[in-house]
Protein backbone atom coordinates (compact mmCIF):
# COMPACT_ATOMS: atom_id res chain seq x y z
CA MET A 1 -34.19 -15.42 18.51
CA GLN A 2 -31.19 -17.64 17.71
CA GLN A 3 -28.93 -15.41 19.80
CA PHE A 4 -31.31 -15.67 22.75
CA VAL A 5 -31.26 -19.47 22.49
CA ALA A 6 -27.46 -19.50 22.15
CA LYS A 7 -27.08 -17.35 25.28
CA ALA A 8 -29.50 -19.57 27.21
CA ASN A 9 -27.55 -22.63 26.09
CA VAL A 10 -24.27 -21.01 27.17
CA ASP A 11 -25.67 -20.43 30.65
CA HIS A 12 -27.05 -23.96 30.76
CA TYR A 13 -23.73 -25.54 29.77
CA ILE A 14 -21.82 -23.38 32.26
CA GLY A 15 -24.21 -24.61 34.95
CA LEU A 16 -23.65 -28.22 33.95
CA LEU A 17 -19.89 -27.81 33.93
CA THR A 18 -19.79 -26.21 37.37
CA GLY A 19 -22.65 -28.00 39.05
CA SER A 20 -21.35 -31.49 39.53
CA ASP A 21 -18.44 -33.86 39.30
CA LEU A 22 -18.60 -34.95 35.65
CA THR A 23 -16.78 -37.75 33.96
CA PHE A 24 -14.01 -36.64 31.64
CA ASN A 25 -16.01 -37.68 28.56
CA SER A 26 -19.11 -35.80 29.73
CA GLN A 27 -17.06 -32.72 30.53
CA MET A 28 -15.45 -32.77 27.09
CA ALA A 29 -18.80 -33.25 25.34
CA ILE A 30 -20.44 -30.38 27.23
CA THR A 31 -17.40 -28.17 26.63
CA ARG A 32 -17.66 -28.84 22.90
CA LEU A 33 -21.34 -27.87 23.00
CA LEU A 34 -20.47 -24.72 24.95
CA ILE A 35 -17.82 -23.72 22.42
CA ALA A 36 -20.26 -24.30 19.56
CA GLU A 37 -22.79 -21.98 21.20
CA LEU A 38 -20.12 -19.35 21.87
CA ASP A 39 -19.08 -19.57 18.22
CA LYS A 40 -22.64 -18.63 17.25
CA LEU A 41 -22.22 -15.41 19.24
CA ALA A 42 -18.66 -14.65 18.14
CA HIS A 43 -19.69 -12.90 14.94
CA ASP A 44 -21.05 -9.82 16.66
CA GLN A 45 -19.21 -7.73 19.23
CA GLU A 46 -22.51 -6.74 20.83
CA HIS A 47 -22.18 -9.97 22.82
CA LEU A 48 -18.99 -8.79 24.54
CA GLU A 49 -20.87 -7.56 27.62
CA PHE A 50 -22.59 -10.95 27.92
CA ALA A 51 -19.23 -12.71 27.60
CA GLU A 52 -17.46 -10.41 30.04
CA LYS A 53 -20.18 -10.98 32.67
CA ARG A 54 -19.78 -14.77 32.34
CA ALA A 55 -15.98 -14.42 32.56
CA ALA A 56 -16.25 -12.20 35.66
CA ASP A 57 -18.62 -14.72 37.27
CA GLY A 58 -16.12 -17.42 36.35
CA ARG A 59 -13.25 -15.60 38.04
CA ASP A 60 -15.37 -15.45 41.21
CA ARG A 61 -16.18 -19.15 40.82
CA VAL A 62 -12.49 -20.06 40.52
CA LYS A 63 -11.73 -18.02 43.63
CA ARG A 64 -14.50 -19.75 45.61
CA MET A 65 -13.38 -23.19 44.42
CA THR A 66 -9.78 -22.40 45.38
CA GLU A 67 -10.90 -21.35 48.86
CA MET A 68 -13.06 -24.47 49.15
CA ARG A 69 -10.17 -26.71 48.13
CA ASP A 70 -7.78 -24.95 50.49
CA GLY A 71 -10.24 -25.48 53.33
CA HIS A 72 -9.70 -29.24 53.20
CA PRO A 73 -6.56 -30.98 54.46
CA PHE A 74 -4.21 -32.70 52.02
CA GLY A 75 -4.92 -36.36 51.42
CA LYS A 76 -8.63 -36.14 52.18
CA THR A 77 -11.29 -37.20 49.69
CA GLU A 78 -13.02 -33.83 50.00
CA ARG A 79 -9.85 -32.02 48.92
CA GLU A 80 -9.43 -34.31 45.91
CA GLN A 81 -13.04 -33.67 44.89
CA ALA A 82 -12.61 -29.93 45.35
CA GLU A 83 -9.40 -30.07 43.29
CA ARG A 84 -11.24 -31.76 40.41
CA LEU A 85 -13.99 -29.14 40.55
CA LEU A 86 -11.37 -26.38 40.62
CA VAL A 87 -9.67 -27.81 37.54
CA ASN A 88 -13.05 -27.93 35.77
CA CYS A 89 -13.71 -24.30 36.71
CA GLU A 90 -10.26 -23.24 35.55
CA ASN A 91 -10.75 -25.01 32.22
CA LEU A 92 -14.14 -23.37 31.80
CA GLN A 93 -12.61 -20.01 32.67
CA THR A 94 -10.02 -20.44 29.92
CA VAL A 95 -12.82 -21.01 27.39
CA LEU A 96 -14.70 -17.92 28.59
CA GLU A 97 -11.61 -15.69 28.62
CA ASP A 98 -10.65 -16.86 25.13
CA PHE A 99 -14.15 -16.00 23.90
CA CYS A 100 -13.91 -12.50 25.40
CA ASN A 101 -10.53 -12.01 23.76
CA ARG A 102 -11.92 -13.08 20.37
CA LEU A 103 -14.74 -10.56 20.67
CA ARG A 104 -12.37 -7.80 21.77
CA GLU A 105 -10.07 -8.52 18.81
CA ARG A 106 -13.04 -8.41 16.45
CA GLY A 107 -13.96 -4.99 17.81
CA SER A 108 -10.47 -3.57 17.39
CA ARG A 109 -10.35 -4.36 13.67
């Protein structure tokens, strides 16, 4: 049951981090919560498929955000907003990729 709740929380935090333009403090707080939930899953490699799916979705998200940013001209407010969202997605992607790598390393031992 705890693993189910942890996975649901991971999805919830990913949604929060990608769904809106957060303040830096809010983003950091939610990222800490996300990492804590991922840590709960890091003890068992059976969660690798779950992690890899989130990482793959994240790669698609980064690609979409890059295209969205590139669709706005330099110097426009929309481009600056899209750039902030892209940075958030890239930071989130780093967390997800690191988690996948930890699980893969655990499985190769």
